[in-house]
Amino acid sequence: MLEDLDHLASRVQALVQFAESARADMTQQANAARAELARVADAARAENATLAERLARSEEENRQLRRLLTVARDRVDDVLARIPDPDALRREATEENANGTA
């Protein structure tokens, strides 16, 4: 019986050591996973910041291009406004011919 108790005590001791070892391994794995997660989160934040900067730059470039387009449209409209209307010129010439003033 004493031998059985010694055997049981040694088994319990082995199980305790196994549990402590398993806990240490799991703690180490959890810490490694946390560190990896933190690394990935930092990388994601850095990439997000880079993308936000690129987006802001692109939006500013788009605003500038829109302003240039507006200026160009205004110039084209101004030039087109100075070109006589060919239909109006034709009508005027036809009217002058009809009135005999040509």
Foldseek 3Di string as FASTA:
>chain_A
DVVVVVVVVVVVVVVVVVVVVVVVVVVVVVVVVVVVVVVVVVVVVVVVVVVVVVVVVVVVVVVVVVVVVVVVVVVVVVVVVPDDDVVVVVVVVVVCVVVVND
